[in-house]
Amino acid sequence: MMEILTIVGTAAISVLWMVLSIVAYARLNGYRTRRLTRCPETGGITVVGLEQDGEPSSEGAVNLRVQSCRLWPGRKNCERGCVASCSRTWGSHGFDLASLMPLEPRAR
């Protein structure tokens, strides 16, 4: 009887460990798709949620699409110039410090 309880307990702990690992991966994967960057239109720092649009090219370039932005809905129709700075760090968990630097004033 003790052997059966040991086997069932070990199986339950293994299943629980797997479920917790999957949940943790799913939560952390969401952070990988968000980037802290400076908005090229407003000059403010924002969090942009990105997703990969299609497969990478033969050179390894990735097409990204803005999924969400902290400045939306007020600026939902922007040009999405932030994608260029965010694409430099795609595939990593970090951010590019240069993308947070103040922007040069635009020539009008």
N, C-alpha and C. Protein backbone atom coordinates (compact mmCIF):
# COMPACT_ATOMS: atom_id res chain seq x y z
N MET A 1 0.83 -1.20 0.00
CA MET A 1 0.00 0.00 0.00
C MET A 1 0.86 1.25 0.00
N MET A 2 1.97 1.21 0.75
CA MET A 2 2.86 2.36 0.83
C MET A 2 3.52 2.65 -0.52
N GLU A 3 3.80 1.58 -1.28
CA GLU A 3 4.42 1.75 -2.59
C GLU A 3 3.47 2.46 -3.55
N ILE A 4 2.19 2.14 -3.49
CA ILE A 4 1.20 2.76 -4.35
C ILE A 4 1.08 4.24 -4.02
N LEU A 5 1.05 4.58 -2.74
CA LEU A 5 0.97 5.98 -2.34
C LEU A 5 2.21 6.75 -2.79
N THR A 6 3.36 6.12 -2.72
CA THR A 6 4.60 6.76 -3.17
C THR A 6 4.56 7.03 -4.67
N ILE A 7 4.09 6.07 -5.43
CA ILE A 7 4.00 6.23 -6.89
C ILE A 7 2.99 7.31 -7.25
N VAL A 8 1.82 7.28 -6.62
CA VAL A 8 0.79 8.28 -6.89
C VAL A 8 1.27 9.67 -6.48
N GLY A 9 1.92 9.77 -5.34
CA GLY A 9 2.44 11.06 -4.88
C GLY A 9 3.51 11.61 -5.82
N THR A 10 4.41 10.75 -6.27
CA THR A 10 5.45 11.18 -7.21
C THR A 10 4.83 11.62 -8.53
N ALA A 11 3.85 10.90 -9.01
CA ALA A 11 3.17 11.27 -10.26
C ALA A 11 2.45 12.61 -10.11
N ALA A 12 1.79 12.81 -8.97
CA ALA A 12 1.07 14.06 -8.74
C ALA A 12 2.03 15.25 -8.68
N ILE A 13 3.15 15.07 -8.02
CA ILE A 13 4.15 16.14 -7.93
C ILE A 13 4.73 16.43 -9.32
N SER A 14 4.96 15.40 -10.11
CA SER A 14 5.48 15.59 -11.47
C SER A 14 4.50 16.36 -12.34
N VAL A 15 3.23 16.00 -12.27
CA VAL A 15 2.21 16.70 -13.05
C VAL A 15 2.08 18.14 -12.59
N LEU A 16 2.08 18.37 -11.30
CA LEU A 16 2.00 19.73 -10.77
C LEU A 16 3.20 20.55 -11.23
N TRP A 17 4.40 19.97 -11.20
CA TRP A 17 5.61 20.67 -11.64
C TRP A 17 5.51 21.03 -13.13
N MET A 18 4.99 20.13 -13.95
CA MET A 18 4.83 20.40 -15.38
C MET A 18 3.83 21.53 -15.61
N VAL A 19 2.71 21.49 -14.92
CA VAL A 19 1.69 22.53 -15.08
C VAL A 19 2.25 23.89 -14.66
N LEU A 20 2.94 23.95 -13.54
CA LEU A 20 3.53 25.22 -13.10
C LEU A 20 4.58 25.73 -14.07
N SER A 21 5.36 24.83 -14.66
CA SER A 21 6.37 25.23 -15.64
C SER A 21 5.72 25.82 -16.89
N ILE A 22 4.66 25.20 -17.36
CA ILE A 22 3.97 25.70 -18.55
C ILE A 22 3.34 27.06 -18.28
N VAL A 23 2.72 27.22 -17.13
CA VAL A 23 2.11 28.51 -16.77
C VAL A 23 3.19 29.59 -16.66
N ALA A 24 4.31 29.29 -16.03
CA ALA A 24 5.39 30.27 -15.89
C ALA A 24 5.95 30.65 -17.25
N TYR A 25 6.14 29.68 -18.13
CA TYR A 25 6.65 29.98 -19.47
C TYR A 25 5.68 30.89 -20.22
N ALA A 26 4.39 30.60 -20.15
CA ALA A 26 3.40 31.40 -20.86
C ALA A 26 3.40 32.84 -20.34
N ARG A 27 3.52 33.00 -19.04
CA ARG A 27 3.54 34.36 -18.46
C ARG A 27 4.80 35.11 -18.87
N LEU A 28 5.94 34.47 -18.81
CA LEU A 28 7.20 35.13 -19.15
C LEU A 28 7.30 35.39 -20.65
N ASN A 29 6.70 34.55 -21.47
CA ASN A 29 6.73 34.75 -22.91
C ASN A 29 6.02 36.04 -23.29
N GLY A 30 5.01 36.42 -22.53
CA GLY A 30 4.32 37.68 -22.78
C GLY A 30 5.23 38.88 -22.59
N TYR A 31 6.16 38.80 -21.64
CA TYR A 31 7.09 39.89 -21.42
C TYR A 31 8.10 39.99 -22.56
N ARG A 32 8.39 38.89 -23.22
CA ARG A 32 9.36 38.89 -24.31
C ARG A 32 8.84 39.67 -25.51
N THR A 33 7.54 39.74 -25.67
CA THR A 33 6.97 40.43 -26.82
C THR A 33 6.71 41.90 -26.56
N ARG A 34 6.95 42.39 -25.37
CA ARG A 34 6.75 43.82 -25.06
C ARG A 34 8.10 44.51 -24.99
N ARG A 35 8.15 45.73 -25.48
CA ARG A 35 9.37 46.51 -25.49
C ARG A 35 9.13 47.89 -24.92
N LEU A 36 10.08 48.36 -24.15
CA LEU A 36 10.09 49.72 -23.64
C LEU A 36 10.86 50.55 -24.65
N THR A 37 10.23 51.56 -25.22
CA THR A 37 10.87 52.36 -26.26
C THR A 37 10.34 53.79 -26.22
N ARG A 38 10.97 54.65 -26.99
CA ARG A 38 10.52 56.03 -27.10
C ARG A 38 9.69 56.18 -28.37
N CYS A 39 8.54 56.80 -28.24
CA CYS A 39 7.65 57.02 -29.38
C CYS A 39 8.27 58.07 -30.30
N PRO A 40 8.49 57.75 -31.57
CA PRO A 40 9.08 58.73 -32.47
C PRO A 40 8.17 59.92 -32.76
N GLU A 41 6.87 59.77 -32.54
CA GLU A 41 5.95 60.87 -32.83
C GLU A 41 5.77 61.81 -31.64
N THR A 42 5.61 61.26 -30.44
CA THR A 42 5.37 62.11 -29.26
C THR A 42 6.65 62.40 -28.49
N GLY A 43 7.66 61.56 -28.62
CA GLY A 43 8.89 61.71 -27.86
C GLY A 43 8.81 61.10 -26.48
N GLY A 44 7.65 60.57 -26.11
CA GLY A 44 7.47 59.97 -24.80
C GLY A 44 7.89 58.51 -24.78
N ILE A 45 8.21 58.02 -23.59
CA ILE A 45 8.58 56.61 -23.44
C ILE A 45 7.30 55.81 -23.23
N THR A 46 7.21 54.68 -23.92
CA THR A 46 6.01 53.86 -23.87
C THR A 46 6.36 52.38 -23.94
N VAL A 47 5.40 51.54 -23.64
CA VAL A 47 5.55 50.09 -23.77
C VAL A 47 4.76 49.67 -25.00
N VAL A 48 5.44 48.97 -25.91
CA VAL A 48 4.83 48.54 -27.16
C VAL A 48 4.80 47.02 -27.17
N GLY A 49 3.64 46.46 -27.45
CA GLY A 49 3.49 45.02 -27.61
C GLY A 49 3.63 44.66 -29.08
N LEU A 50 4.52 43.74 -29.40
CA LEU A 50 4.80 43.37 -30.78
C LEU A 50 4.49 41.91 -31.03
N GLU A 51 4.27 41.58 -32.29
CA GLU A 51 4.17 40.19 -32.69
C GLU A 51 4.85 40.03 -34.03
N GLN A 52 5.38 38.86 -34.25
CA GLN A 52 6.08 38.56 -35.49
C GLN A 52 5.06 38.38 -36.60
N ASP A 53 5.26 39.05 -37.72
CA ASP A 53 4.34 39.00 -38.84
C ASP A 53 4.97 38.14 -39.93
N GLY A 54 4.65 36.86 -39.95
CA GLY A 54 5.20 35.94 -40.95
C GLY A 54 6.52 35.33 -40.50
N GLU A 55 7.14 34.62 -41.41
CA GLU A 55 8.42 33.94 -41.14
C GLU A 55 9.59 34.89 -41.40
N PRO A 56 10.72 34.70 -40.71
CA PRO A 56 11.90 35.53 -40.98
C PRO A 56 12.38 35.35 -42.43
N SER A 57 12.99 36.41 -42.97
CA SER A 57 13.50 36.33 -44.34
C SER A 57 14.76 35.47 -44.36
N SER A 58 15.28 35.23 -45.55
CA SER A 58 16.48 34.39 -45.68
C SER A 58 17.69 35.03 -45.00
N GLU A 59 17.69 36.36 -44.86
CA GLU A 59 18.78 37.06 -44.17
C GLU A 59 18.59 37.06 -42.66
N GLY A 60 17.46 36.58 -42.19
CA GLY A 60 17.17 36.53 -40.76
C GLY A 60 16.38 37.73 -40.26
N ALA A 61 16.02 38.66 -41.17
CA ALA A 61 15.24 39.83 -40.77
C ALA A 61 13.82 39.39 -40.41
N VAL A 62 13.28 40.02 -39.39
CA VAL A 62 11.95 39.67 -38.90
C VAL A 62 11.01 40.84 -39.14
N ASN A 63 9.84 40.57 -39.69
CA ASN A 63 8.82 41.60 -39.85
C ASN A 63 7.98 41.62 -38.58
N LEU A 64 7.89 42.79 -37.97
CA LEU A 64 7.13 42.93 -36.73
C LEU A 64 5.91 43.79 -36.96
N ARG A 65 4.89 43.54 -36.14
CA ARG A 65 3.66 44.29 -36.21
C ARG A 65 3.31 44.74 -34.79
N VAL A 66 2.88 46.00 -34.64
CA VAL A 66 2.49 46.52 -33.33
C VAL A 66 1.13 45.95 -32.98
N GLN A 67 1.08 45.29 -31.83
CA GLN A 67 -0.15 44.68 -31.35
C GLN A 67 -0.84 45.58 -30.33
N SER A 68 -0.04 46.29 -29.53
CA SER A 68 -0.60 47.19 -28.52
C SER A 68 0.42 48.26 -28.19
N CYS A 69 -0.07 49.35 -27.64
CA CYS A 69 0.80 50.45 -27.22
C CYS A 69 0.13 51.17 -26.07
N ARG A 70 0.91 51.61 -25.11
CA ARG A 70 0.34 52.32 -23.96
C ARG A 70 -0.25 53.67 -24.34
N LEU A 71 0.13 54.20 -25.50
CA LEU A 71 -0.39 55.50 -25.94
C LEU A 71 -1.72 55.38 -26.69
N TRP A 72 -2.15 54.14 -26.95
CA TRP A 72 -3.44 53.94 -27.61
C TRP A 72 -4.55 54.07 -26.58
N PRO A 73 -5.73 54.39 -26.89
CA PRO A 73 -6.34 54.54 -28.20
C PRO A 73 -6.15 55.92 -28.82
N GLY A 74 -5.66 56.88 -28.06
CA GLY A 74 -5.52 58.24 -28.60
C GLY A 74 -4.62 58.35 -29.81
N ARG A 75 -3.62 57.48 -29.91
CA ARG A 75 -2.66 57.55 -31.02
C ARG A 75 -2.67 56.26 -31.85
N LYS A 76 -3.81 55.62 -31.94
CA LYS A 76 -3.89 54.33 -32.63
C LYS A 76 -3.54 54.41 -34.11
N ASN A 77 -3.72 55.55 -34.75
CA ASN A 77 -3.46 55.70 -36.18
C ASN A 77 -2.08 56.28 -36.46
N CYS A 78 -1.11 56.01 -35.61
CA CYS A 78 0.24 56.54 -35.80
C CYS A 78 0.96 55.78 -36.91
N GLU A 79 2.16 56.23 -37.26
CA GLU A 79 2.93 55.61 -38.34
C GLU A 79 3.68 54.36 -37.89
N ARG A 80 3.72 54.08 -36.62
CA ARG A 80 4.39 52.90 -36.05
C ARG A 80 5.89 52.90 -36.32
N GLY A 81 6.49 54.07 -36.16
CA GLY A 81 7.93 54.20 -36.35
C GLY A 81 8.74 53.51 -35.27
N CYS A 82 8.10 53.11 -34.20
CA CYS A 82 8.80 52.45 -33.09
C CYS A 82 9.24 51.04 -33.46
N VAL A 83 8.66 50.46 -34.50
CA VAL A 83 8.99 49.09 -34.88
C VAL A 83 10.47 48.96 -35.24
N ALA A 84 11.03 49.97 -35.89
CA ALA A 84 12.44 49.90 -36.30
C ALA A 84 13.36 49.78 -35.10
N SER A 85 13.12 50.57 -34.05
CA SER A 85 13.99 50.49 -32.87
C SER A 85 13.74 49.22 -32.08
N CYS A 86 12.51 48.72 -32.08
CA CYS A 86 12.19 47.50 -31.34
C CYS A 86 12.72 46.25 -32.04
N SER A 87 12.86 46.30 -33.35
CA SER A 87 13.29 45.11 -34.08
C SER A 87 14.75 44.78 -33.79
N ARG A 88 15.53 45.73 -33.29
CA ARG A 88 16.94 45.45 -32.97
C ARG A 88 17.08 44.47 -31.83
N THR A 89 16.12 44.43 -30.94
CA THR A 89 16.22 43.56 -29.77
C THR A 89 15.23 42.40 -29.83
N TRP A 90 14.58 42.18 -30.98
CA TRP A 90 13.60 41.11 -31.07
C TRP A 90 14.29 39.76 -30.88
N GLY A 91 13.67 38.87 -30.14
CA GLY A 91 14.24 37.56 -29.87
C GLY A 91 15.01 37.51 -28.57
N SER A 92 15.16 38.65 -27.91
CA SER A 92 15.84 38.68 -26.62
C SER A 92 14.85 39.17 -25.57
N HIS A 93 15.28 39.18 -24.35
CA HIS A 93 14.41 39.66 -23.27
C HIS A 93 14.77 41.07 -22.84
N GLY A 94 15.72 41.70 -23.52
CA GLY A 94 16.17 43.02 -23.12
C GLY A 94 15.56 44.13 -23.93
N PHE A 95 16.11 45.31 -23.74
CA PHE A 95 15.69 46.44 -24.55
C PHE A 95 16.95 47.19 -24.96
N ASP A 96 16.82 47.96 -26.01
CA ASP A 96 17.93 48.71 -26.55
C ASP A 96 17.96 50.07 -25.85
N LEU A 97 19.02 50.34 -25.12
CA LEU A 97 19.13 51.60 -24.39
C LEU A 97 19.08 52.80 -25.32
N ALA A 98 19.60 52.64 -26.53
CA ALA A 98 19.58 53.73 -27.49
C ALA A 98 18.15 54.12 -27.88
N SER A 99 17.22 53.19 -27.80
CA SER A 99 15.83 53.50 -28.16
C SER A 99 15.14 54.37 -27.11
N LEU A 100 15.76 54.54 -25.95
CA LEU A 100 15.18 55.39 -24.91
C LEU A 100 15.80 56.78 -24.87
N MET A 101 16.83 57.00 -25.68
CA MET A 101 17.50 58.30 -25.71
C MET A 101 16.57 59.36 -26.29
N PRO A 102 16.75 60.62 -25.87
CA PRO A 102 15.91 61.69 -26.45
C PRO A 102 16.10 61.75 -27.97
N LEU A 103 15.01 62.05 -28.66
CA LEU A 103 15.03 62.10 -30.11
C LEU A 103 15.53 63.46 -30.59
N GLU A 104 16.13 63.46 -31.78
CA GLU A 104 16.51 64.71 -32.42
C GLU A 104 15.24 65.41 -32.89
N PRO A 105 15.19 66.74 -32.76
CA PRO A 105 13.99 67.42 -33.26
C PRO A 105 13.83 67.23 -34.76
N ARG A 106 12.60 67.04 -35.19
CA ARG A 106 12.32 66.86 -36.62
C ARG A 106 12.41 68.19 -37.35
N ALA A 107 12.96 68.14 -38.56
CA ALA A 107 12.95 69.32 -39.42
C ALA A 107 11.54 69.49 -40.00
N ARG A 108 11.01 70.66 -39.93
CA ARG A 108 9.63 70.87 -40.41
C ARG A 108 9.60 71.47 -41.76
